[in-house]
Amino acid sequence: MKQRSFSISLRHFLAKASTFLILIFICFLFFLLERATSSNPRFLTLDNISNVLRQVSVYAILAVGETFVILTGGIDLSVGSVLALCGAISAGLALSSNLMIALLAGMVLGAAIGAIQGIIIAKGGVPPFVATLGTMAIARSLTLVYTKGALISPLPQGFQFLGSGYFLHPLFSVPVLITLFIYILAYIVLSRTAFGRRIYAIGGNEEASRLSGVNVSRYKVYIYAISGLTAGLGGLVMTARLNCAHPQAGLGYELDAIAAVVIGGTSLMGGEGGVGGTLIGAIIMGVLNNGLNLLEVNPFWQQAVVGSLIIIAVLLDRLRRRRLG
């Protein structure tokens, strides 16, 4: 009996820690490959680690909001375009107005776009895929109109600090600290509050949640507003890192955010997962891209690697659900 209990506990631990173990394996693999092919290994140096974390920060922030959405069984394809629009609006305001107003406007605009999407989905009955795909096109178009297809730069010093500043060491850069704060806050919300429990309940069984008295429509509006808010914040960080607002910023980042969520173990069916796995999933993607670059692998293959990881993660989730079912 004790042996069986130990076996169940071990399987439970491995299931929870699988994403982290994959990260360790990938890091170890790249470390060995680089040592075998390069006379000057850089993969595990502090400078390279801080570079990876800064690169990861933008789509890791997007992935927080995407996790909330996917936990309810939805999806948000608009986050990359909303990132670009919010970044452009904030950059324009930073040059013509007060910096704090510019930063606040970017986040408020993102949350407002997300809330409108939530209303369309919850009240209008439009499928999340269709609603957010439409918003993706609209937001990208508005970005091009606002920027006139050109860069908005250079930005004020205070704005640049948001993307390139650090404390004590580049490892503790402002984007990394913002990302950690967002993830800690999201973890507390999902695991320690009634709001978080209802998100899982909606994803697990929306109809049962409705019958138990949960205002599902209202929660969906809140959840998509959160996704829009994180997209706006990601836009601020990316614009600050580039020291310009680019009309094509964030192109394809919705796929990176979804990939981080799925690789991190959150089920596309909803009701299962969390932001801890999402953060590790985002780091895995950053490590893969960085490691392949250091090994001088053709960059055109990198998207194929990420795509393969998404397919494998979804297949493993389906197989696990069949075993449990």
C-alpha atoms as a PDB file:
ATOM      1  CA  MET A   1       0.000   0.000   0.000  1.00  0.00           C
ATOM      2  CA  LYS A   2       2.823   2.380   0.905  1.00  0.00           C
ATOM      3  CA  GLN A   3       4.675   1.494  -2.301  1.00  0.00           C
ATOM      4  CA  ARG A   4       1.561   2.241  -4.373  1.00  0.00           C
ATOM      5  CA  SER A   5       1.073   5.561  -2.549  1.00  0.00           C
ATOM      6  CA  PHE A   6       4.712   6.464  -3.207  1.00  0.00           C
ATOM      7  CA  SER A   7       4.302   5.564  -6.896  1.00  0.00           C
ATOM      8  CA  ILE A   8       1.213   7.781  -7.210  1.00  0.00           C
ATOM      9  CA  SER A   9       3.019  10.654  -5.443  1.00  0.00           C
ATOM     10  CA  LEU A  10       6.032  10.260  -7.740  1.00  0.00           C
ATOM     11  CA  ARG A  11       3.837  10.331 -10.860  1.00  0.00           C
ATOM     12  CA  HIS A  12       2.027  13.404  -9.522  1.00  0.00           C
ATOM     13  CA  PHE A  13       5.351  15.156  -8.860  1.00  0.00           C
ATOM     14  CA  LEU A  14       6.713  14.305 -12.320  1.00  0.00           C
ATOM     15  CA  ALA A  15       3.499  15.549 -13.952  1.00  0.00           C
ATOM     16  CA  LYS A  16       3.766  18.863 -12.090  1.00  0.00           C
ATOM     17  CA  ALA A  17       7.521  19.251 -12.628  1.00  0.00           C
ATOM     18  CA  SER A  18       7.676  17.933 -16.213  1.00  0.00           C
ATOM     19  CA  THR A  19       7.944  21.386 -17.834  1.00  0.00           C
ATOM     20  CA  PHE A  20      10.754  22.407 -15.486  1.00  0.00           C
ATOM     21  CA  LEU A  21      12.596  19.124 -16.143  1.00  0.00           C
ATOM     22  CA  ILE A  22      12.289  19.750 -19.890  1.00  0.00           C
ATOM     23  CA  LEU A  23      13.840  23.204 -19.368  1.00  0.00           C
ATOM     24  CA  ILE A  24      16.765  21.691 -17.439  1.00  0.00           C
ATOM     25  CA  PHE A  25      17.275  19.056 -20.153  1.00  0.00           C
ATOM     26  CA  ILE A  26      17.259  21.672 -22.958  1.00  0.00           C
ATOM     27  CA  CYS A  27      19.749  23.879 -21.079  1.00  0.00           C
ATOM     28  CA  PHE A  28      22.054  20.904 -20.450  1.00  0.00           C
ATOM     29  CA  LEU A  29      21.804  19.821 -24.113  1.00  0.00           C
ATOM     30  CA  PHE A  30      22.684  23.286 -25.452  1.00  0.00           C
ATOM     31  CA  PHE A  31      25.533  23.564 -22.927  1.00  0.00           C
ATOM     32  CA  LEU A  32      27.066  20.309 -24.198  1.00  0.00           C
ATOM     33  CA  LEU A  33      26.501  21.139 -27.878  1.00  0.00           C
ATOM     34  CA  GLU A  34      28.063  24.586 -27.549  1.00  0.00           C
ATOM     35  CA  ARG A  35      31.109  23.244 -25.695  1.00  0.00           C
ATOM     36  CA  ALA A  36      31.572  20.675 -28.466  1.00  0.00           C
ATOM     37  CA  THR A  37      31.263  23.181 -31.332  1.00  0.00           C
ATOM     38  CA  SER A  38      32.632  26.460 -29.950  1.00  0.00           C
ATOM     39  CA  SER A  39      35.965  27.530 -28.486  1.00  0.00           C
ATOM     40  CA  ASN A  40      34.257  30.342 -26.559  1.00  0.00           C
ATOM     41  CA  PRO A  41      31.077  28.976 -24.885  1.00  0.00           C
ATOM     42  CA  ARG A  42      28.651  31.742 -23.853  1.00  0.00           C
ATOM     43  CA  PHE A  43      25.379  29.912 -23.195  1.00  0.00           C
ATOM     44  CA  LEU A  44      25.554  29.774 -19.382  1.00  0.00           C
ATOM     45  CA  THR A  45      27.278  33.108 -18.811  1.00  0.00           C
ATOM     46  CA  LEU A  46      25.465  35.729 -16.725  1.00  0.00           C
ATOM     47  CA  ASP A  47      25.413  38.173 -19.642  1.00  0.00           C
ATOM     48  CA  ASN A  48      23.701  35.652 -21.905  1.00  0.00           C
ATOM     49  CA  ILE A  49      21.225  34.604 -19.206  1.00  0.00           C
ATOM     50  CA  SER A  50      20.246  38.244 -18.613  1.00  0.00           C
ATOM     51  CA  ASN A  51      19.881  38.710 -22.380  1.00  0.00           C
ATOM     52  CA  VAL A  52      17.549  35.683 -22.618  1.00  0.00           C
ATOM     53  CA  LEU A  53      15.411  36.914 -19.732  1.00  0.00           C
ATOM     54  CA  ARG A  54      15.047  40.387 -21.287  1.00  0.00           C
ATOM     55  CA  GLN A  55      14.059  38.855 -24.622  1.00  0.00           C
ATOM     56  CA  VAL A  56      11.565  36.538 -22.940  1.00  0.00           C
ATOM     57  CA  SER A  57       9.953  39.305 -20.880  1.00  0.00           C
ATOM     58  CA  VAL A  58       7.659  40.730 -23.582  1.00  0.00           C
ATOM     59  CA  TYR A  59       5.889  37.561 -24.684  1.00  0.00           C
ATOM     60  CA  ALA A  60       6.017  36.237 -21.129  1.00  0.00           C
ATOM     61  CA  ILE A  61       3.926  39.267 -20.086  1.00  0.00           C
ATOM     62  CA  LEU A  62       1.521  38.611 -22.982  1.00  0.00           C
ATOM     63  CA  ALA A  63       1.312  34.967 -21.927  1.00  0.00           C
ATOM     64  CA  VAL A  64       0.001  35.893 -18.449  1.00  0.00           C
ATOM     65  CA  GLY A  65      -3.201  37.344 -19.887  1.00  0.00           C
ATOM     66  CA  GLU A  66      -3.376  34.523 -22.433  1.00  0.00           C
ATOM     67  CA  THR A  67      -3.243  32.012 -19.568  1.00  0.00           C
ATOM     68  CA  PHE A  68      -6.313  33.579 -17.947  1.00  0.00           C
ATOM     69  CA  VAL A  69      -8.167  33.380 -21.282  1.00  0.00           C
ATOM     70  CA  ILE A  70      -7.155  29.796 -22.100  1.00  0.00           C
ATOM     71  CA  LEU A  71      -8.046  28.627 -18.581  1.00  0.00           C
ATOM     72  CA  THR A  72     -11.663  29.536 -19.427  1.00  0.00           C
ATOM     73  CA  GLY A  73     -11.497  27.590 -22.692  1.00  0.00           C
ATOM     74  CA  GLY A  74     -11.089  30.719 -24.838  1.00  0.00           C
ATOM     75  CA  ILE A  75      -8.265  32.156 -26.917  1.00  0.00           C
ATOM     76  CA  ASP A  76      -6.964  35.648 -27.688  1.00  0.00           C
ATOM     77  CA  LEU A  77      -5.337  36.103 -31.101  1.00  0.00           C
ATOM     78  CA  SER A  78      -5.230  39.893 -30.848  1.00  0.00           C
ATOM     79  CA  VAL A  79      -2.482  40.380 -28.260  1.00  0.00           C
ATOM     80  CA  GLY A  80       0.355  41.003 -30.744  1.00  0.00           C
ATOM     81  CA  SER A  81      -1.598  43.696 -32.610  1.00  0.00           C
ATOM     82  CA  VAL A  82      -2.911  45.261 -29.392  1.00  0.00           C
ATOM     83  CA  LEU A  83       0.704  45.369 -28.162  1.00  0.00           C
ATOM     84  CA  ALA A  84       1.707  47.321 -31.278  1.00  0.00           C
ATOM     85  CA  LEU A  85      -1.224  49.757 -31.040  1.00  0.00           C
ATOM     86  CA  CYS A  86      -0.748  50.475 -27.331  1.00  0.00           C
ATOM     87  CA  GLY A  87       2.995  50.917 -27.793  1.00  0.00           C
ATOM     88  CA  ALA A  88       2.458  53.351 -30.665  1.00  0.00           C
ATOM     89  CA  ILE A  89      -0.152  55.423 -28.808  1.00  0.00           C
ATOM     90  CA  SER A  90       2.037  55.587 -25.699  1.00  0.00           C
ATOM     91  CA  ALA A  91       5.103  56.586 -27.732  1.00  0.00           C
ATOM     92  CA  GLY A  92       3.153  59.343 -29.466  1.00  0.00           C
ATOM     93  CA  LEU A  93       1.820  60.679 -26.168  1.00  0.00           C
ATOM     94  CA  ALA A  94       5.272  60.462 -24.555  1.00  0.00           C
ATOM     95  CA  LEU A  95       6.600  62.842 -27.200  1.00  0.00           C
ATOM     96  CA  SER A  96       3.680  65.259 -27.014  1.00  0.00           C
ATOM     97  CA  SER A  97       2.458  64.968 -23.414  1.00  0.00           C
ATOM     98  CA  ASN A  98       3.342  63.771 -19.913  1.00  0.00           C
ATOM     99  CA  LEU A  99       5.247  60.474 -19.590  1.00  0.00           C
ATOM    100  CA  MET A 100       3.001  59.046 -16.856  1.00  0.00           C
ATOM    101  CA  ILE A 101      -0.101  59.858 -18.918  1.00  0.00           C
ATOM    102  CA  ALA A 102       1.499  58.096 -21.894  1.00  0.00           C
ATOM    103  CA  LEU A 103       2.259  54.935 -19.891  1.00  0.00           C
ATOM    104  CA  LEU A 104      -1.166  54.869 -18.265  1.00  0.00           C
ATOM    105  CA  ALA A 105      -2.889  55.435 -21.617  1.00  0.00           C
ATOM    106  CA  GLY A 106      -1.193  52.380 -23.126  1.00  0.00           C
ATOM    107  CA  MET A 107      -2.402  50.063 -20.382  1.00  0.00           C
ATOM    108  CA  VAL A 108      -5.918  51.563 -20.202  1.00  0.00           C
ATOM    109  CA  LEU A 109      -6.296  51.282 -23.979  1.00  0.00           C
ATOM    110  CA  GLY A 110      -5.239  47.631 -23.875  1.00  0.00           C
ATOM    111  CA  ALA A 111      -7.697  46.842 -21.071  1.00  0.00           C
ATOM    112  CA  ALA A 112     -10.496  48.678 -22.910  1.00  0.00           C
ATOM    113  CA  ILE A 113      -9.898  46.734 -26.139  1.00  0.00           C
ATOM    114  CA  GLY A 114      -9.876  43.490 -24.146  1.00  0.00           C
ATOM    115  CA  ALA A 115     -13.112  44.398 -22.362  1.00  0.00           C
ATOM    116  CA  ILE A 116     -14.817  45.176 -25.689  1.00  0.00           C
ATOM    117  CA  GLN A 117     -13.715  41.779 -26.971  1.00  0.00           C
ATOM    118  CA  GLY A 118     -15.100  40.175 -23.824  1.00  0.00           C
ATOM    119  CA  ILE A 119     -18.480  41.868 -24.358  1.00  0.00           C
ATOM    120  CA  ILE A 120     -18.601  40.727 -27.991  1.00  0.00           C
ATOM    121  CA  ILE A 121     -17.798  37.158 -26.940  1.00  0.00           C
ATOM    122  CA  ALA A 122     -19.917  36.965 -23.775  1.00  0.00           C
ATOM    123  CA  LYS A 123     -22.923  39.067 -24.770  1.00  0.00           C
ATOM    124  CA  GLY A 124     -22.836  38.724 -28.553  1.00  0.00           C
ATOM    125  CA  GLY A 125     -22.117  35.009 -28.604  1.00  0.00           C
ATOM    126  CA  VAL A 126     -19.270  35.414 -31.112  1.00  0.00           C
ATOM    127  CA  PRO A 127     -16.675  32.595 -30.828  1.00  0.00           C
ATOM    128  CA  PRO A 128     -13.398  33.825 -29.234  1.00  0.00           C
ATOM    129  CA  PHE A 129     -11.370  32.767 -32.282  1.00  0.00           C
ATOM    130  CA  VAL A 130     -13.480  34.918 -34.629  1.00  0.00           C
ATOM    131  CA  ALA A 131     -13.803  37.935 -32.290  1.00  0.00           C
ATOM    132  CA  THR A 132     -10.100  38.141 -31.477  1.00  0.00           C
ATOM    133  CA  LEU A 133      -9.055  37.455 -35.072  1.00  0.00           C
ATOM    134  CA  GLY A 134     -11.152  40.455 -36.135  1.00  0.00           C
ATOM    135  CA  THR A 135      -9.673  42.598 -33.385  1.00  0.00           C
ATOM    136  CA  MET A 136      -6.184  41.523 -34.454  1.00  0.00           C
ATOM    137  CA  ALA A 137      -6.791  42.920 -37.944  1.00  0.00           C
ATOM    138  CA  ILE A 138      -8.445  46.114 -36.671  1.00  0.00           C
ATOM    139  CA  ALA A 139      -5.703  46.887 -34.120  1.00  0.00           C
ATOM    140  CA  ARG A 140      -2.942  46.308 -36.664  1.00  0.00           C
ATOM    141  CA  SER A 141      -4.723  48.575 -39.157  1.00  0.00           C
ATOM    142  CA  LEU A 142      -5.156  51.330 -36.548  1.00  0.00           C
ATOM    143  CA  THR A 143      -1.446  51.045 -35.685  1.00  0.00           C
ATOM    144  CA  LEU A 144      -0.479  51.566 -39.315  1.00  0.00           C
ATOM    145  CA  VAL A 145      -2.870  54.525 -39.612  1.00  0.00           C
ATOM    146  CA  TYR A 146      -1.589  56.157 -36.404  1.00  0.00           C
ATOM    147  CA  THR A 147       2.109  55.700 -37.228  1.00  0.00           C
ATOM    148  CA  LYS A 148       1.604  56.314 -40.982  1.00  0.00           C
ATOM    149  CA  GLY A 149       3.752  53.218 -41.461  1.00  0.00           C
ATOM    150  CA  ALA A 150       6.816  54.930 -39.947  1.00  0.00           C
ATOM    151  CA  LEU A 151       8.754  54.655 -36.680  1.00  0.00           C
ATOM    152  CA  ILE A 152       7.937  56.915 -33.747  1.00  0.00           C
ATOM    153  CA  SER A 153      11.285  57.784 -32.142  1.00  0.00           C
ATOM    154  CA  PRO A 154      13.409  58.643 -30.252  1.00  0.00           C
ATOM    155  CA  LEU A 155      11.655  58.273 -26.925  1.00  0.00           C
ATOM    156  CA  PRO A 156      12.265  60.176 -23.646  1.00  0.00           C
ATOM    157  CA  GLN A 157      14.884  58.812 -21.249  1.00  0.00           C
ATOM    158  CA  GLY A 158      12.244  57.827 -18.693  1.00  0.00           C
ATOM    159  CA  PHE A 159      10.434  55.709 -21.266  1.00  0.00           C
ATOM    160  CA  GLN A 160      13.682  54.012 -22.332  1.00  0.00           C
ATOM    161  CA  PHE A 161      14.424  53.063 -18.709  1.00  0.00           C
ATOM    162  CA  LEU A 162      11.322  50.845 -18.747  1.00  0.00           C
ATOM    163  CA  GLY A 163      12.977  48.616 -21.344  1.00  0.00           C
ATOM    164  CA  SER A 164      16.703  48.912 -20.699  1.00  0.00           C
ATOM    165  CA  GLY A 165      17.161  50.000 -17.074  1.00  0.00           C
ATOM    166  CA  TYR A 166      18.416  47.653 -14.371  1.00  0.00           C
ATOM    167  CA  PHE A 167      19.260  47.485 -10.667  1.00  0.00           C
ATOM    168  CA  LEU A 168      22.727  46.374  -9.472  1.00  0.00           C
ATOM    169  CA  HIS A 169      23.217  43.952 -12.404  1.00  0.00           C
ATOM    170  CA  PRO A 170      21.703  43.565 -15.917  1.00  0.00           C
ATOM    171  CA  LEU A 171      20.264  40.269 -14.654  1.00  0.00           C
ATOM    172  CA  PHE A 172      17.836  42.392 -12.604  1.00  0.00           C
ATOM    173  CA  SER A 173      16.625  44.500 -15.508  1.00  0.00           C
ATOM    174  CA  VAL A 174      13.368  46.460 -15.302  1.00  0.00           C
ATOM    175  CA  PRO A 175      11.556  44.211 -17.861  1.00  0.00           C
ATOM    176  CA  VAL A 176      12.513  41.102 -15.865  1.00  0.00           C
ATOM    177  CA  LEU A 177      11.371  42.639 -12.557  1.00  0.00           C
ATOM    178  CA  ILE A 178       8.067  43.737 -14.134  1.00  0.00           C
ATOM    179  CA  THR A 179       7.566  40.206 -15.473  1.00  0.00           C
ATOM    180  CA  LEU A 180       8.246  38.634 -12.066  1.00  0.00           C
ATOM    181  CA  PHE A 181       5.855  41.037 -10.354  1.00  0.00           C
ATOM    182  CA  ILE A 182       3.080  40.285 -12.883  1.00  0.00           C
ATOM    183  CA  TYR A 183       3.536  36.528 -12.476  1.00  0.00           C
ATOM    184  CA  ILE A 184       3.537  36.665  -8.678  1.00  0.00           C
ATOM    185  CA  LEU A 185       0.376  38.779  -8.733  1.00  0.00           C
ATOM    186  CA  ALA A 186      -1.304  36.451 -11.264  1.00  0.00           C
ATOM    187  CA  TYR A 187      -0.336  33.390  -9.205  1.00  0.00           C
ATOM    188  CA  ILE A 188      -1.911  34.890  -6.084  1.00  0.00           C
ATOM    189  CA  VAL A 189      -5.094  35.797  -7.984  1.00  0.00           C
ATOM    190  CA  LEU A 190      -5.478  32.329  -9.516  1.00  0.00           C
ATOM    191  CA  SER A 191      -4.568  30.269  -6.461  1.00  0.00           C
ATOM    192  CA  ARG A 192      -5.692  32.373  -3.494  1.00  0.00           C
ATOM    193  CA  THR A 193      -8.842  34.234  -4.525  1.00  0.00           C
ATOM    194  CA  ALA A 194     -12.471  33.434  -5.337  1.00  0.00           C
ATOM    195  CA  PHE A 195     -11.957  35.140  -8.692  1.00  0.00           C
ATOM    196  CA  GLY A 196      -9.263  32.614  -9.573  1.00  0.00           C
ATOM    197  CA  ARG A 197     -11.343  29.632  -8.461  1.00  0.00           C
ATOM    198  CA  ARG A 198     -14.209  30.794 -10.664  1.00  0.00           C
ATOM    199  CA  ILE A 199     -11.887  31.080 -13.666  1.00  0.00           C
ATOM    200  CA  TYR A 200     -10.971  27.413 -13.246  1.00  0.00           C
ATOM    201  CA  ALA A 201     -14.625  26.525 -12.700  1.00  0.00           C
ATOM    202  CA  ILE A 202     -15.701  28.272 -15.921  1.00  0.00           C
ATOM    203  CA  GLY A 203     -13.013  26.456 -17.872  1.00  0.00           C
ATOM    204  CA  GLY A 204     -13.878  23.130 -16.292  1.00  0.00           C
ATOM    205  CA  ASN A 205     -17.647  23.353 -16.892  1.00  0.00           C
ATOM    206  CA  GLU A 206     -19.137  26.647 -18.011  1.00  0.00           C
ATOM    207  CA  GLU A 207     -22.761  25.518 -17.748  1.00  0.00           C
ATOM    208  CA  ALA A 208     -22.291  24.126 -14.239  1.00  0.00           C
ATOM    209  CA  SER A 209     -20.662  27.416 -13.197  1.00  0.00           C
ATOM    210  CA  ARG A 210     -23.621  29.351 -14.589  1.00  0.00           C
ATOM    211  CA  LEU A 211     -26.126  27.127 -12.763  1.00  0.00           C
ATOM    212  CA  SER A 212     -24.191  27.543  -9.510  1.00  0.00           C
ATOM    213  CA  GLY A 213     -24.665  31.316  -9.675  1.00  0.00           C
ATOM    214  CA  VAL A 214     -21.449  32.505 -11.319  1.00  0.00           C
ATOM    215  CA  ASN A 215     -22.000  35.419 -13.713  1.00  0.00           C
ATOM    216  CA  VAL A 216     -20.013  33.828 -16.539  1.00  0.00           C
ATOM    217  CA  SER A 217     -20.525  36.719 -18.970  1.00  0.00           C
ATOM    218  CA  ARG A 218     -19.146  39.256 -16.501  1.00  0.00           C
ATOM    219  CA  TYR A 219     -16.116  37.091 -15.736  1.00  0.00           C
ATOM    220  CA  LYS A 220     -15.339  36.704 -19.435  1.00  0.00           C
ATOM    221  CA  VAL A 221     -15.335  40.479 -19.837  1.00  0.00           C
ATOM    222  CA  TYR A 222     -12.926  40.752 -16.879  1.00  0.00           C
ATOM    223  CA  ILE A 223     -10.673  37.999 -18.236  1.00  0.00           C
ATOM    224  CA  TYR A 224     -10.341  39.481 -21.720  1.00  0.00           C
ATOM    225  CA  ALA A 225      -9.744  42.890 -20.138  1.00  0.00           C
ATOM    226  CA  ILE A 226      -6.835  41.344 -18.203  1.00  0.00           C
ATOM    227  CA  SER A 227      -5.463  39.919 -21.458  1.00  0.00           C
ATOM    228  CA  GLY A 228      -5.731  43.344 -23.086  1.00  0.00           C
ATOM    229  CA  LEU A 229      -4.062  44.978 -20.083  1.00  0.00           C
ATOM    230  CA  THR A 230      -1.052  42.639 -20.244  1.00  0.00           C
ATOM    231  CA  ALA A 231      -0.855  43.216 -24.010  1.00  0.00           C
ATOM    232  CA  GLY A 232      -0.744  46.965 -23.347  1.00  0.00           C
ATOM    233  CA  LEU A 233       1.973  46.523 -20.722  1.00  0.00           C
ATOM    234  CA  GLY A 234       3.924  44.276 -23.094  1.00  0.00           C
ATOM    235  CA  GLY A 235       3.641  47.024 -25.711  1.00  0.00           C
ATOM    236  CA  LEU A 236       5.167  49.565 -23.314  1.00  0.00           C
ATOM    237  CA  VAL A 237       8.085  47.267 -22.467  1.00  0.00           C
ATOM    238  CA  MET A 238       8.792  46.366 -26.088  1.00  0.00           C
ATOM    239  CA  THR A 239       8.555  49.977 -27.299  1.00  0.00           C
ATOM    240  CA  ALA A 240      10.907  51.047 -24.508  1.00  0.00           C
ATOM    241  CA  ARG A 241      13.398  48.272 -25.371  1.00  0.00           C
ATOM    242  CA  LEU A 242      13.463  49.262 -29.053  1.00  0.00           C
ATOM    243  CA  ASN A 243      13.472  53.009 -28.226  1.00  0.00           C
ATOM    244  CA  CYS A 244      10.808  53.391 -30.905  1.00  0.00           C
ATOM    245  CA  ALA A 245       7.254  52.381 -31.769  1.00  0.00           C
ATOM    246  CA  HIS A 246       7.363  50.120 -34.821  1.00  0.00           C
ATOM    247  CA  PRO A 247       4.156  49.644 -36.869  1.00  0.00           C
ATOM    248  CA  GLN A 248       4.973  45.933 -37.267  1.00  0.00           C
ATOM    249  CA  ALA A 249       5.883  45.374 -33.611  1.00  0.00           C
ATOM    250  CA  GLY A 250       4.537  42.224 -32.020  1.00  0.00           C
ATOM    251  CA  LEU A 251       3.898  40.510 -35.350  1.00  0.00           C
ATOM    252  CA  GLY A 252       3.349  36.831 -34.546  1.00  0.00           C
ATOM    253  CA  TYR A 253       3.674  37.381 -30.788  1.00  0.00           C
ATOM    254  CA  GLU A 254       0.177  35.979 -30.224  1.00  0.00           C
ATOM    255  CA  LEU A 255       1.547  32.610 -31.345  1.00  0.00           C
ATOM    256  CA  ASP A 256       4.525  32.954 -28.991  1.00  0.00           C
ATOM    257  CA  ALA A 257       2.186  33.743 -26.086  1.00  0.00           C
ATOM    258  CA  ILE A 258      -0.104  30.805 -26.850  1.00  0.00           C
ATOM    259  CA  ALA A 259       2.927  28.544 -27.283  1.00  0.00           C
ATOM    260  CA  ALA A 260       4.285  29.541 -23.859  1.00  0.00           C
ATOM    261  CA  VAL A 261       0.910  28.772 -22.255  1.00  0.00           C
ATOM    262  CA  VAL A 262       0.506  25.398 -23.974  1.00  0.00           C
ATOM    263  CA  ILE A 263       4.120  24.290 -23.470  1.00  0.00           C
ATOM    264  CA  GLY A 264       3.706  25.304 -19.813  1.00  0.00           C
ATOM    265  CA  GLY A 265       0.964  22.712 -19.382  1.00  0.00           C
ATOM    266  CA  THR A 266      -2.254  24.743 -19.511  1.00  0.00           C
ATOM    267  CA  SER A 267      -4.913  22.770 -21.352  1.00  0.00           C
ATOM    268  CA  LEU A 268      -6.552  24.332 -24.423  1.00  0.00           C
ATOM    269  CA  MET A 269      -9.777  22.724 -23.202  1.00  0.00           C
ATOM    270  CA  GLY A 270      -9.678  25.024 -20.159  1.00  0.00           C
ATOM    271  CA  GLY A 271      -9.871  24.484 -16.429  1.00  0.00           C
ATOM    272  CA  GLU A 272      -6.353  23.168 -15.900  1.00  0.00           C
ATOM    273  CA  GLY A 273      -2.921  24.800 -15.719  1.00  0.00           C
ATOM    274  CA  GLY A 274      -1.424  27.955 -14.254  1.00  0.00           C
ATOM    275  CA  VAL A 275       1.002  30.816 -14.663  1.00  0.00           C
ATOM    276  CA  GLY A 276       3.937  28.943 -13.094  1.00  0.00           C
ATOM    277  CA  GLY A 277       4.044  26.561 -16.037  1.00  0.00           C
ATOM    278  CA  THR A 278       3.497  29.459 -18.449  1.00  0.00           C
ATOM    279  CA  LEU A 279       6.591  31.267 -17.159  1.00  0.00           C
ATOM    280  CA  ILE A 280       8.710  28.131 -17.609  1.00  0.00           C
ATOM    281  CA  GLY A 281       7.187  27.645 -21.059  1.00  0.00           C
ATOM    282  CA  ALA A 282       8.184  31.195 -22.039  1.00  0.00           C
ATOM    283  CA  ILE A 283      11.728  30.616 -20.752  1.00  0.00           C
ATOM    284  CA  ILE A 284      11.923  27.349 -22.735  1.00  0.00           C
ATOM    285  CA  MET A 285      11.078  29.257 -25.910  1.00  0.00           C
ATOM    286  CA  GLY A 286      13.664  31.936 -25.115  1.00  0.00           C
ATOM    287  CA  VAL A 287      16.342  29.324 -24.364  1.00  0.00           C
ATOM    288  CA  LEU A 288      15.559  27.466 -27.605  1.00  0.00           C
ATOM    289  CA  ASN A 289      15.843  30.602 -29.736  1.00  0.00           C
ATOM    290  CA  ASN A 290      19.007  31.747 -27.969  1.00  0.00           C
ATOM    291  CA  GLY A 291      20.656  28.312 -28.053  1.00  0.00           C
ATOM    292  CA  LEU A 292      19.901  27.834 -31.743  1.00  0.00           C
ATOM    293  CA  ASN A 293      21.317  31.296 -32.483  1.00  0.00           C
ATOM    294  CA  LEU A 294      24.523  30.541 -30.582  1.00  0.00           C
ATOM    295  CA  LEU A 295      24.864  27.268 -32.507  1.00  0.00           C
ATOM    296  CA  GLU A 296      24.335  29.280 -35.727  1.00  0.00           C
ATOM    297  CA  VAL A 297      21.341  27.242 -36.784  1.00  0.00           C
ATOM    298  CA  ASN A 298      19.342  28.753 -39.666  1.00  0.00           C
ATOM    299  CA  PRO A 299      16.771  31.083 -37.999  1.00  0.00           C
ATOM    300  CA  PHE A 300      14.083  29.876 -40.422  1.00  0.00           C
ATOM    301  CA  TRP A 301      14.105  26.563 -38.537  1.00  0.00           C
ATOM    302  CA  GLN A 302      13.349  28.156 -35.166  1.00  0.00           C
ATOM    303  CA  GLN A 303       9.609  28.575 -35.793  1.00  0.00           C
ATOM    304  CA  ALA A 304       9.482  24.927 -36.873  1.00  0.00           C
ATOM    305  CA  VAL A 305      10.975  23.907 -33.511  1.00  0.00           C
ATOM    306  CA  VAL A 306       8.431  26.005 -31.571  1.00  0.00           C
ATOM    307  CA  GLY A 307       5.583  24.665 -33.717  1.00  0.00           C
ATOM    308  CA  SER A 308       6.710  21.096 -33.073  1.00  0.00           C
ATOM    309  CA  LEU A 309       6.793  21.783 -29.334  1.00  0.00           C
ATOM    310  CA  ILE A 310       3.200  23.080 -29.424  1.00  0.00           C
ATOM    311  CA  ILE A 311       1.979  19.972 -31.267  1.00  0.00           C
ATOM    312  CA  ILE A 312       3.823  17.645 -28.879  1.00  0.00           C
ATOM    313  CA  ALA A 313       2.473  19.515 -25.823  1.00  0.00           C
ATOM    314  CA  VAL A 314      -1.122  19.292 -27.074  1.00  0.00           C
ATOM    315  CA  LEU A 315      -0.738  15.601 -27.990  1.00  0.00           C
ATOM    316  CA  LEU A 316       0.638  14.800 -24.532  1.00  0.00           C
ATOM    317  CA  ASP A 317      -2.263  16.687 -22.935  1.00  0.00           C
ATOM    318  CA  ARG A 318      -4.786  14.713 -25.013  1.00  0.00           C
ATOM    319  CA  LEU A 319      -3.125  11.392 -24.165  1.00  0.00           C
ATOM    320  CA  ARG A 320      -3.092  12.237 -20.466  1.00  0.00           C
ATOM    321  CA  ARG A 321      -6.783  13.193 -20.546  1.00  0.00           C
ATOM    322  CA  ARG A 322      -7.658   9.912 -22.252  1.00  0.00           C
ATOM    323  CA  ARG A 323      -5.824   7.967 -19.542  1.00  0.00           C
ATOM    324  CA  LEU A 324      -7.637   9.904 -16.819  1.00  0.00           C
ATOM    325  CA  GLY A 325     -10.961   9.562 -18.676  1.00  0.00           C
END
